[in-house]
C-alpha cells in the first residue's frame, strides 16, 4: 500500500514558511550572544601617558573603584596628575615615594588601583605600593588589561 505524498506547506504570496525562519532566529541568537559577550560597562581606558602599555591579563573581573595610580615609562601619576619622575625614583635608595605619599594622603580613602607599564621594574612598583600602604590605604590592587576586553 502506498502512502500519499505530502504537499508542501502553503505559503502566502511573498511570505516565508515557519521552517525558513528558523536559521534566521539562530543567527539572531548568535549575534545577541556576541553582543552581550563583548559589551563592557567600564568606561574606555584612558592613560596618563601615551607610551604607557599595560600588561595583559586573562582575568575578566571589572576594575575596582579606588584612587588610581599610573606608573608610566617617564612619570608617576595620581588620578591623572603628575606626582614624580620614574628615573629619579629608580635611582633613589628611599623606599617611600614622597610625592605619591602626599597625593594619596590628600585624597583619602582605603583602596588604591595601581596601573603600571608592562616593563616597569618591580623595584619601583614595590616603592609605589609601599608609599600607598604608608599613606593609610588598606587595599592595594595591581591591575592589567583584560585580554577579553581587547
Foldseek 3Di string as FASTA:
>chain_A
DDDDDDDDDDDDVPGDDPVVCVVVVVVVVVVVVVVVLQDDPDDDDDDLDPQAAFAEDQDDDDDDDDFEWEAGPFAIDTNSHTQGGLVVVVPDPDLESVSLLVVDLVVDDAEYEYTYGPPRDVSVVSSNVVSNVVSPHNHYHYDGHYPSND
